[in-house]
């Protein structure tokens, strides 16, 4: 556990993409929140997205957003997860 937290501290000090690997239910989401809270992005938003729950048909709209009228049912502009997490952290779970 100490080695994991040491690596997490290193990850928090970087401005790059972090890949957390582990079995389902091992707390990757908690570690991602911890890394976020110790990083320079801590004042920004933290969004966790369960990718398994995002349908293939709506994935583009969910991640990138859309404007009103871009497809049937798009009755208003919607910011995607990437835009919402700008300046913070986007945690993609079950990818």
PDB file of N, CA and C in Angstrom:
ATOM      1  N   UNK A   1       0.822  -1.186   0.000  1.00  0.00           N
ATOM      2  CA  UNK A   1       0.000   0.000   0.000  1.00  0.00           C
ATOM      3  C   UNK A   1       0.874   1.260   0.000  1.00  0.00           C
ATOM      4  N   UNK A   2       1.979   1.208   0.747  1.00  0.00           N
ATOM      5  CA  UNK A   2       2.889   2.359   0.765  1.00  0.00           C
ATOM      6  C   UNK A   2       3.442   2.646  -0.623  1.00  0.00           C
ATOM      7  N   UNK A   3       3.790   1.583  -1.351  1.00  0.00           N
ATOM      8  CA  UNK A   3       4.320   1.754  -2.703  1.00  0.00           C
ATOM      9  C   UNK A   3       3.252   2.364  -3.620  1.00  0.00           C
ATOM     10  N   UNK A   4       2.021   1.944  -3.456  1.00  0.00           N
ATOM     11  CA  UNK A   4       0.929   2.484  -4.265  1.00  0.00           C
ATOM     12  C   UNK A   4       0.733   3.967  -3.985  1.00  0.00           C
ATOM     13  N   UNK A   5       0.738   4.354  -2.715  1.00  0.00           N
ATOM     14  CA  UNK A   5       0.570   5.765  -2.366  1.00  0.00           C
ATOM     15  C   UNK A   5       1.750   6.610  -2.824  1.00  0.00           C
ATOM     16  N   UNK A   6       2.933   6.041  -2.813  1.00  0.00           N
ATOM     17  CA  UNK A   6       4.106   6.769  -3.316  1.00  0.00           C
ATOM     18  C   UNK A   6       3.961   7.019  -4.821  1.00  0.00           C
ATOM     19  N   UNK A   7       3.511   6.020  -5.549  1.00  0.00           N
ATOM     20  CA  UNK A   7       3.282   6.201  -6.986  1.00  0.00           C
ATOM     21  C   UNK A   7       2.147   7.197  -7.232  1.00  0.00           C
ATOM     22  N   UNK A   8       1.129   7.170  -6.376  1.00  0.00           N
ATOM     23  CA  UNK A   8       0.013   8.107  -6.502  1.00  0.00           C
ATOM     24  C   UNK A   8       0.488   9.538  -6.252  1.00  0.00           C
ATOM     25  N   UNK A   9       1.374   9.739  -5.289  1.00  0.00           N
ATOM     26  CA  UNK A   9       1.938  11.071  -5.038  1.00  0.00           C
ATOM     27  C   UNK A   9       2.696  11.568  -6.268  1.00  0.00           C
ATOM     28  N   UNK A  10       3.455  10.676  -6.883  1.00  0.00           N
ATOM     29  CA  UNK A  10       4.186  11.027  -8.099  1.00  0.00           C
ATOM     30  C   UNK A  10       3.208  11.404  -9.215  1.00  0.00           C
ATOM     31  N   UNK A  11       2.139  10.617  -9.360  1.00  0.00           N
ATOM     32  CA  UNK A  11       1.130  10.890 -10.397  1.00  0.00           C
ATOM     33  C   UNK A  11       0.461  12.239 -10.155  1.00  0.00           C
ATOM     34  N   UNK A  12       0.185  12.564  -8.900  1.00  0.00           N
ATOM     35  CA  UNK A  12      -0.462  13.835  -8.566  1.00  0.00           C
ATOM     36  C   UNK A  12       0.428  15.022  -8.914  1.00  0.00           C
ATOM     37  N   UNK A  13       1.727  14.833  -8.896  1.00  0.00           N
ATOM     38  CA  UNK A  13       2.669  15.915  -9.186  1.00  0.00           C
ATOM     39  C   UNK A  13       2.877  16.132 -10.676  1.00  0.00           C
ATOM     40  N   UNK A  14       2.349  15.254 -11.500  1.00  0.00           N
ATOM     41  CA  UNK A  14       2.507  15.383 -12.947  1.00  0.00           C
ATOM     42  C   UNK A  14       1.257  15.991 -13.566  1.00  0.00           C
ATOM     43  N   UNK A  15       1.360  16.394 -14.806  1.00  0.00           N
ATOM     44  CA  UNK A  15       0.213  16.927 -15.533  1.00  0.00           C
ATOM     45  C   UNK A  15      -0.065  16.022 -16.730  1.00  0.00           C
ATOM     46  N   UNK A  16      -0.146  14.748 -16.454  1.00  0.00           N
ATOM     47  CA  UNK A  16      -0.339  13.798 -17.539  1.00  0.00           C
ATOM     48  C   UNK A  16      -1.509  12.869 -17.267  1.00  0.00           C
ATOM     49  N   UNK A  17      -1.695  11.949 -18.169  1.00  0.00           N
ATOM     50  CA  UNK A  17      -2.744  10.942 -18.044  1.00  0.00           C
ATOM     51  C   UNK A  17      -2.246   9.845 -17.118  1.00  0.00           C
ATOM     52  N   UNK A  18      -3.118   9.395 -16.225  1.00  0.00           N
ATOM     53  CA  UNK A  18      -2.775   8.346 -15.270  1.00  0.00           C
ATOM     54  C   UNK A  18      -3.672   7.148 -15.541  1.00  0.00           C
ATOM     55  N   UNK A  19      -3.097   5.977 -15.627  1.00  0.00           N
ATOM     56  CA  UNK A  19      -3.848   4.735 -15.823  1.00  0.00           C
ATOM     57  C   UNK A  19      -3.804   3.942 -14.530  1.00  0.00           C
ATOM     58  N   UNK A  20      -4.976   3.689 -13.958  1.00  0.00           N
ATOM     59  CA  UNK A  20      -5.081   2.893 -12.740  1.00  0.00           C
ATOM     60  C   UNK A  20      -5.624   1.523 -13.116  1.00  0.00           C
ATOM     61  N   UNK A  21      -4.858   0.500 -12.830  1.00  0.00           N
ATOM     62  CA  UNK A  21      -5.258  -0.865 -13.158  1.00  0.00           C
ATOM     63  C   UNK A  21      -5.570  -1.635 -11.885  1.00  0.00           C
ATOM     64  N   UNK A  22      -6.563  -2.494 -11.952  1.00  0.00           N
ATOM     65  CA  UNK A  22      -6.905  -3.322 -10.810  1.00  0.00           C
ATOM     66  C   UNK A  22      -8.248  -3.994 -11.025  1.00  0.00           C
ATOM     67  N   UNK A  23      -8.491  -4.998 -10.227  1.00  0.00           N
ATOM     68  CA  UNK A  23      -9.758  -5.715 -10.306  1.00  0.00           C
ATOM     69  C   UNK A  23     -10.914  -4.780  -9.956  1.00  0.00           C
ATOM     70  N   UNK A  24     -12.090  -5.115 -10.416  1.00  0.00           N
ATOM     71  CA  UNK A  24     -13.279  -4.365 -10.083  1.00  0.00           C
ATOM     72  C   UNK A  24     -13.497  -4.398  -8.568  1.00  0.00           C
ATOM     73  N   UNK A  25     -13.818  -3.241  -7.999  1.00  0.00           N
ATOM     74  CA  UNK A  25     -14.078  -3.163  -6.567  1.00  0.00           C
ATOM     75  C   UNK A  25     -12.859  -2.964  -5.695  1.00  0.00           C
ATOM     76  N   UNK A  26     -11.704  -2.648  -6.292  1.00  0.00           N
ATOM     77  CA  UNK A  26     -10.485  -2.479  -5.494  1.00  0.00           C
ATOM     78  C   UNK A  26     -10.224  -1.038  -5.068  1.00  0.00           C
ATOM     79  N   UNK A  27     -11.089  -0.112  -5.447  1.00  0.00           N
ATOM     80  CA  UNK A  27     -10.946   1.264  -4.994  1.00  0.00           C
ATOM     81  C   UNK A  27     -10.207   2.191  -5.935  1.00  0.00           C
ATOM     82  N   UNK A  28     -10.206   1.883  -7.214  1.00  0.00           N
ATOM     83  CA  UNK A  28      -9.541   2.764  -8.175  1.00  0.00           C
ATOM     84  C   UNK A  28     -10.164   4.159  -8.161  1.00  0.00           C
ATOM     85  N   UNK A  29     -11.478   4.227  -7.952  1.00  0.00           N
ATOM     86  CA  UNK A  29     -12.151   5.525  -7.896  1.00  0.00           C
ATOM     87  C   UNK A  29     -11.686   6.343  -6.697  1.00  0.00           C
ATOM     88  N   UNK A  30     -11.490   5.702  -5.554  1.00  0.00           N
ATOM     89  CA  UNK A  30     -10.987   6.411  -4.374  1.00  0.00           C
ATOM     90  C   UNK A  30      -9.564   6.911  -4.601  1.00  0.00           C
ATOM     91  N   UNK A  31      -8.743   6.082  -5.227  1.00  0.00           N
ATOM     92  CA  UNK A  31      -7.371   6.493  -5.514  1.00  0.00           C
ATOM     93  C   UNK A  31      -7.349   7.648  -6.518  1.00  0.00           C
ATOM     94  N   UNK A  32      -8.240   7.601  -7.513  1.00  0.00           N
ATOM     95  CA  UNK A  32      -8.325   8.692  -8.489  1.00  0.00           C
ATOM     96  C   UNK A  32      -8.715   9.998  -7.803  1.00  0.00           C
ATOM     97  N   UNK A  33      -9.667   9.948  -6.878  1.00  0.00           N
ATOM     98  CA  UNK A  33     -10.071  11.146  -6.136  1.00  0.00           C
ATOM     99  C   UNK A  33      -8.914  11.658  -5.261  1.00  0.00           C
ATOM    100  N   UNK A  34      -8.166  10.735  -4.678  1.00  0.00           N
ATOM    101  CA  UNK A  34      -7.030  11.114  -3.842  1.00  0.00           C
ATOM    102  C   UNK A  34      -5.972  11.816  -4.692  1.00  0.00           C
ATOM    103  N   UNK A  35      -5.659  11.243  -5.843  1.00  0.00           N
ATOM    104  CA  UNK A  35      -4.680  11.856  -6.750  1.00  0.00           C
ATOM    105  C   UNK A  35      -5.167  13.244  -7.152  1.00  0.00           C
ATOM    106  N   UNK A  36      -6.431  13.356  -7.500  1.00  0.00           N
ATOM    107  CA  UNK A  36      -7.001  14.659  -7.882  1.00  0.00           C
ATOM    108  C   UNK A  36      -6.845  15.670  -6.745  1.00  0.00           C
ATOM    109  N   UNK A  37      -7.151  15.242  -5.528  1.00  0.00           N
ATOM    110  CA  UNK A  37      -7.108  16.163  -4.380  1.00  0.00           C
ATOM    111  C   UNK A  37      -5.702  16.640  -4.050  1.00  0.00           C
ATOM    112  N   UNK A  38      -4.693  15.885  -4.458  1.00  0.00           N
ATOM    113  CA  UNK A  38      -3.299  16.255  -4.191  1.00  0.00           C
ATOM    114  C   UNK A  38      -2.642  16.942  -5.382  1.00  0.00           C
ATOM    115  N   UNK A  39      -3.365  17.076  -6.479  1.00  0.00           N
ATOM    116  CA  UNK A  39      -2.781  17.626  -7.701  1.00  0.00           C
ATOM    117  C   UNK A  39      -3.027  19.124  -7.817  1.00  0.00           C
ATOM    118  N   UNK A  40      -2.410  19.728  -8.821  1.00  0.00           N
ATOM    119  CA  UNK A  40      -2.632  21.142  -9.102  1.00  0.00           C
ATOM    120  C   UNK A  40      -4.035  21.393  -9.630  1.00  0.00           C
ATOM    121  N   UNK A  41      -4.740  20.338 -10.000  1.00  0.00           N
ATOM    122  CA  UNK A  41      -6.106  20.463 -10.513  1.00  0.00           C
ATOM    123  C   UNK A  41      -7.154  20.328  -9.409  1.00  0.00           C
ATOM    124  N   UNK A  42      -6.727  20.260  -8.165  1.00  0.00           N
ATOM    125  CA  UNK A  42      -7.639  20.011  -7.043  1.00  0.00           C
ATOM    126  C   UNK A  42      -8.750  21.058  -6.933  1.00  0.00           C
ATOM    127  N   UNK A  43      -8.484  22.277  -7.353  1.00  0.00           N
ATOM    128  CA  UNK A  43      -9.518  23.312  -7.271  1.00  0.00           C
ATOM    129  C   UNK A  43     -10.544  23.183  -8.394  1.00  0.00           C
ATOM    130  N   UNK A  44     -10.232  22.348  -9.390  1.00  0.00           N
ATOM    131  CA  UNK A  44     -11.149  22.119 -10.496  1.00  0.00           C
ATOM    132  C   UNK A  44     -12.102  20.976 -10.196  1.00  0.00           C
ATOM    133  N   UNK A  45     -13.014  20.706 -11.111  1.00  0.00           N
ATOM    134  CA  UNK A  45     -14.006  19.655 -10.894  1.00  0.00           C
ATOM    135  C   UNK A  45     -13.414  18.248 -11.014  1.00  0.00           C
ATOM    136  N   UNK A  46     -14.074  17.298 -10.391  1.00  0.00           N
ATOM    137  CA  UNK A  46     -13.747  15.882 -10.533  1.00  0.00           C
ATOM    138  C   UNK A  46     -15.011  15.194 -11.031  1.00  0.00           C
ATOM    139  N   UNK A  47     -14.940  14.600 -12.216  1.00  0.00           N
ATOM    140  CA  UNK A  47     -16.070  13.872 -12.780  1.00  0.00           C
ATOM    141  C   UNK A  47     -15.681  12.412 -12.959  1.00  0.00           C
ATOM    142  N   UNK A  48     -16.498  11.534 -12.412  1.00  0.00           N
ATOM    143  CA  UNK A  48     -16.313  10.091 -12.590  1.00  0.00           C
ATOM    144  C   UNK A  48     -17.424   9.602 -13.506  1.00  0.00           C
ATOM    145  N   UNK A  49     -17.038   8.904 -14.565  1.00  0.00           N
ATOM    146  CA  UNK A  49     -18.004   8.391 -15.526  1.00  0.00           C
ATOM    147  C   UNK A  49     -17.868   6.882 -15.607  1.00  0.00           C
ATOM    148  N   UNK A  50     -18.959   6.176 -15.376  1.00  0.00           N
ATOM    149  CA  UNK A  50     -18.983   4.730 -15.556  1.00  0.00           C
ATOM    150  C   UNK A  50     -19.227   4.481 -17.042  1.00  0.00           C
ATOM    151  N   UNK A  51     -18.176   4.199 -17.773  1.00  0.00           N
ATOM    152  CA  UNK A  51     -18.258   4.045 -19.224  1.00  0.00           C
ATOM    153  C   UNK A  51     -19.156   2.871 -19.635  1.00  0.00           C
ATOM    154  N   UNK A  52     -19.267   1.864 -18.787  1.00  0.00           N
ATOM    155  CA  UNK A  52     -20.124   0.722 -19.093  1.00  0.00           C
ATOM    156  C   UNK A  52     -21.592   1.131 -19.132  1.00  0.00           C
ATOM    157  N   UNK A  53     -21.950   2.227 -18.484  1.00  0.00           N
ATOM    158  CA  UNK A  53     -23.330   2.685 -18.448  1.00  0.00           C
ATOM    159  C   UNK A  53     -23.663   3.667 -19.574  1.00  0.00           C
ATOM    160  N   UNK A  54     -22.674   4.074 -20.350  1.00  0.00           N
ATOM    161  CA  UNK A  54     -22.895   5.010 -21.454  1.00  0.00           C
ATOM    162  C   UNK A  54     -23.127   4.190 -22.722  1.00  0.00           C
ATOM    163  N   UNK A  55     -24.294   4.374 -23.320  1.00  0.00           N
ATOM    164  CA  UNK A  55     -24.611   3.595 -24.519  1.00  0.00           C
ATOM    165  C   UNK A  55     -23.732   4.023 -25.690  1.00  0.00           C
ATOM    166  N   UNK A  56     -23.481   3.091 -26.565  1.00  0.00           N
ATOM    167  CA  UNK A  56     -22.641   3.338 -27.735  1.00  0.00           C
ATOM    168  C   UNK A  56     -23.225   4.470 -28.583  1.00  0.00           C
ATOM    169  N   UNK A  57     -24.541   4.534 -28.676  1.00  0.00           N
ATOM    170  CA  UNK A  57     -25.209   5.533 -29.506  1.00  0.00           C
ATOM    171  C   UNK A  57     -25.088   6.942 -28.923  1.00  0.00           C
ATOM    172  N   UNK A  58     -24.994   7.056 -27.614  1.00  0.00           N
ATOM    173  CA  UNK A  58     -24.928   8.376 -26.981  1.00  0.00           C
ATOM    174  C   UNK A  58     -23.536   8.782 -26.529  1.00  0.00           C
ATOM    175  N   UNK A  59     -22.555   7.929 -26.720  1.00  0.00           N
ATOM    176  CA  UNK A  59     -21.202   8.187 -26.208  1.00  0.00           C
ATOM    177  C   UNK A  59     -20.632   9.516 -26.713  1.00  0.00           C
ATOM    178  N   UNK A  60     -20.734   9.776 -27.998  1.00  0.00           N
ATOM    179  CA  UNK A  60     -20.168  11.014 -28.552  1.00  0.00           C
ATOM    180  C   UNK A  60     -20.808  12.238 -27.906  1.00  0.00           C
ATOM    181  N   UNK A  61     -22.122  12.234 -27.780  1.00  0.00           N
ATOM    182  CA  UNK A  61     -22.828  13.356 -27.177  1.00  0.00           C
ATOM    183  C   UNK A  61     -22.487  13.494 -25.690  1.00  0.00           C
ATOM    184  N   UNK A  62     -22.384  12.379 -24.982  1.00  0.00           N
ATOM    185  CA  UNK A  62     -22.074  12.413 -23.550  1.00  0.00           C
ATOM    186  C   UNK A  62     -20.675  12.967 -23.291  1.00  0.00           C
ATOM    187  N   UNK A  63     -19.706  12.572 -24.096  1.00  0.00           N
ATOM    188  CA  UNK A  63     -18.324  12.995 -23.853  1.00  0.00           C
ATOM    189  C   UNK A  63     -17.986  14.354 -24.462  1.00  0.00           C
ATOM    190  N   UNK A  64     -18.541  14.646 -25.641  1.00  0.00           N
ATOM    191  CA  UNK A  64     -18.182  15.885 -26.338  1.00  0.00           C
ATOM    192  C   UNK A  64     -19.275  16.946 -26.319  1.00  0.00           C
ATOM    193  N   UNK A  65     -20.485  16.567 -25.951  1.00  0.00           N
ATOM    194  CA  UNK A  65     -21.598  17.502 -25.915  1.00  0.00           C
ATOM    195  C   UNK A  65     -22.261  17.653 -27.268  1.00  0.00           C
ATOM    196  N   UNK A  66     -23.278  18.516 -27.305  1.00  0.00           N
ATOM    197  CA  UNK A  66     -23.979  18.787 -28.559  1.00  0.00           C
ATOM    198  C   UNK A  66     -24.682  20.137 -28.454  1.00  0.00           C
ATOM    199  N   UNK A  67     -25.133  20.632 -29.599  1.00  0.00           N
ATOM    200  CA  UNK A  67     -25.897  21.871 -29.643  1.00  0.00           C
ATOM    201  C   UNK A  67     -27.350  21.549 -29.963  1.00  0.00           C
ATOM    202  N   UNK A  68     -28.211  22.437 -29.577  1.00  0.00           N
ATOM    203  CA  UNK A  68     -29.644  22.283 -29.809  1.00  0.00           C
ATOM    204  C   UNK A  68     -29.915  22.023 -31.287  1.00  0.00           C
ATOM    205  N   UNK A  69     -30.728  21.013 -31.553  1.00  0.00           N
ATOM    206  CA  UNK A  69     -31.114  20.698 -32.923  1.00  0.00           C
ATOM    207  C   UNK A  69     -30.133  19.839 -33.691  1.00  0.00           C
ATOM    208  N   UNK A  70     -29.040  19.421 -33.077  1.00  0.00           N
ATOM    209  CA  UNK A  70     -28.043  18.629 -33.804  1.00  0.00           C
ATOM    210  C   UNK A  70     -28.538  17.221 -34.115  1.00  0.00           C
ATOM    211  N   UNK A  71     -29.531  16.749 -33.384  1.00  0.00           N
ATOM    212  CA  UNK A  71     -30.172  15.473 -33.677  1.00  0.00           C
ATOM    213  C   UNK A  71     -31.555  15.472 -33.023  1.00  0.00           C
ATOM    214  N   UNK A  72     -32.384  14.541 -33.402  1.00  0.00           N
ATOM    215  CA  UNK A  72     -33.727  14.448 -32.843  1.00  0.00           C
ATOM    216  C   UNK A  72     -33.644  14.271 -31.333  1.00  0.00           C
ATOM    217  N   UNK A  73     -34.340  15.121 -30.623  1.00  0.00           N
ATOM    218  CA  UNK A  73     -34.335  15.048 -29.167  1.00  0.00           C
ATOM    219  C   UNK A  73     -33.350  16.001 -28.513  1.00  0.00           C
ATOM    220  N   UNK A  74     -32.488  16.625 -29.296  1.00  0.00           N
ATOM    221  CA  UNK A  74     -31.527  17.598 -28.739  1.00  0.00           C
ATOM    222  C   UNK A  74     -32.242  18.944 -28.647  1.00  0.00           C
ATOM    223  N   UNK A  75     -33.002  19.135 -27.556  1.00  0.00           N
ATOM    224  CA  UNK A  75     -33.814  20.337 -27.419  1.00  0.00           C
ATOM    225  C   UNK A  75     -33.076  21.504 -26.754  1.00  0.00           C
ATOM    226  N   UNK A  76     -31.835  21.265 -26.330  1.00  0.00           N
ATOM    227  CA  UNK A  76     -31.019  22.347 -25.776  1.00  0.00           C
ATOM    228  C   UNK A  76     -29.545  21.979 -25.909  1.00  0.00           C
ATOM    229  N   UNK A  77     -28.675  22.977 -25.783  1.00  0.00           N
ATOM    230  CA  UNK A  77     -27.237  22.729 -25.807  1.00  0.00           C
ATOM    231  C   UNK A  77     -26.855  21.903 -24.583  1.00  0.00           C
ATOM    232  N   UNK A  78     -25.886  21.028 -24.745  1.00  0.00           N
ATOM    233  CA  UNK A  78     -25.418  20.219 -23.622  1.00  0.00           C
ATOM    234  C   UNK A  78     -23.897  20.144 -23.675  1.00  0.00           C
ATOM    235  N   UNK A  79     -23.256  20.482 -22.560  1.00  0.00           N
ATOM    236  CA  UNK A  79     -21.807  20.371 -22.466  1.00  0.00           C
ATOM    237  C   UNK A  79     -21.463  18.923 -22.131  1.00  0.00           C
ATOM    238  N   UNK A  80     -20.470  18.375 -22.791  1.00  0.00           N
ATOM    239  CA  UNK A  80     -20.059  17.002 -22.540  1.00  0.00           C
ATOM    240  C   UNK A  80     -19.141  16.888 -21.335  1.00  0.00           C
ATOM    241  N   UNK A  81     -18.852  15.658 -20.948  1.00  0.00           N
ATOM    242  CA  UNK A  81     -17.986  15.414 -19.793  1.00  0.00           C
ATOM    243  C   UNK A  81     -16.610  16.046 -19.949  1.00  0.00           C
ATOM    244  N   UNK A  82     -16.059  16.028 -21.162  1.00  0.00           N
ATOM    245  CA  UNK A  82     -14.729  16.621 -21.368  1.00  0.00           C
ATOM    246  C   UNK A  82     -14.747  18.113 -21.086  1.00  0.00           C
ATOM    247  N   UNK A  83     -15.781  18.795 -21.499  1.00  0.00           N
ATOM    248  CA  UNK A  83     -15.896  20.225 -21.219  1.00  0.00           C
ATOM    249  C   UNK A  83     -16.151  20.505 -19.754  1.00  0.00           C
ATOM    250  N   UNK A  84     -16.998  19.690 -19.132  1.00  0.00           N
ATOM    251  CA  UNK A  84     -17.315  19.880 -17.713  1.00  0.00           C
ATOM    252  C   UNK A  84     -16.095  19.676 -16.827  1.00  0.00           C
ATOM    253  N   UNK A  85     -15.217  18.777 -17.229  1.00  0.00           N
ATOM    254  CA  UNK A  85     -14.045  18.452 -16.412  1.00  0.00           C
ATOM    255  C   UNK A  85     -12.846  19.348 -16.712  1.00  0.00           C
ATOM    256  N   UNK A  86     -12.990  20.295 -17.622  1.00  0.00           N
ATOM    257  CA  UNK A  86     -11.883  21.164 -17.993  1.00  0.00           C
ATOM    258  C   UNK A  86     -11.295  21.838 -16.751  1.00  0.00           C
ATOM    259  N   UNK A  87      -9.986  21.756 -16.609  1.00  0.00           N
ATOM    260  CA  UNK A  87      -9.306  22.326 -15.461  1.00  0.00           C
ATOM    261  C   UNK A  87      -9.313  21.429 -14.245  1.00  0.00           C
ATOM    262  N   UNK A  88      -9.913  20.262 -14.390  1.00  0.00           N
ATOM    263  CA  UNK A  88     -10.009  19.305 -13.289  1.00  0.00           C
ATOM    264  C   UNK A  88      -9.614  17.912 -13.756  1.00  0.00           C
ATOM    265  N   UNK A  89     -10.397  16.926 -13.322  1.00  0.00           N
ATOM    266  CA  UNK A  89     -10.082  15.530 -13.609  1.00  0.00           C
ATOM    267  C   UNK A  89     -11.319  14.808 -14.145  1.00  0.00           C
ATOM    268  N   UNK A  90     -11.136  14.021 -15.186  1.00  0.00           N
ATOM    269  CA  UNK A  90     -12.174  13.141 -15.706  1.00  0.00           C
ATOM    270  C   UNK A  90     -11.716  11.709 -15.472  1.00  0.00           C
ATOM    271  N   UNK A  91     -12.416  10.993 -14.609  1.00  0.00           N
ATOM    272  CA  UNK A  91     -12.091   9.595 -14.286  1.00  0.00           C
ATOM    273  C   UNK A  91     -13.015   8.698 -15.089  1.00  0.00           C
ATOM    274  N   UNK A  92     -12.448   7.916 -15.986  1.00  0.00           N
ATOM    275  CA  UNK A  92     -13.214   6.985 -16.809  1.00  0.00           C
ATOM    276  C   UNK A  92     -13.145   5.608 -16.173  1.00  0.00           C
ATOM    277  N   UNK A  93     -14.242   5.192 -15.574  1.00  0.00           N
ATOM    278  CA  UNK A  93     -14.314   3.906 -14.891  1.00  0.00           C
ATOM    279  C   UNK A  93     -14.920   2.858 -15.814  1.00  0.00           C
ATOM    280  N   UNK A  94     -14.509   1.626 -15.629  1.00  0.00           N
ATOM    281  CA  UNK A  94     -15.022   0.493 -16.423  1.00  0.00           C
ATOM    282  C   UNK A  94     -14.850   0.717 -17.913  1.00  0.00           C
ATOM    283  N   UNK A  95     -13.719   1.307 -18.282  1.00  0.00           N
ATOM    284  CA  UNK A  95     -13.450   1.533 -19.699  1.00  0.00           C
ATOM    285  C   UNK A  95     -12.930   0.249 -20.300  1.00  0.00           C
TER     286      UNK A  95
END
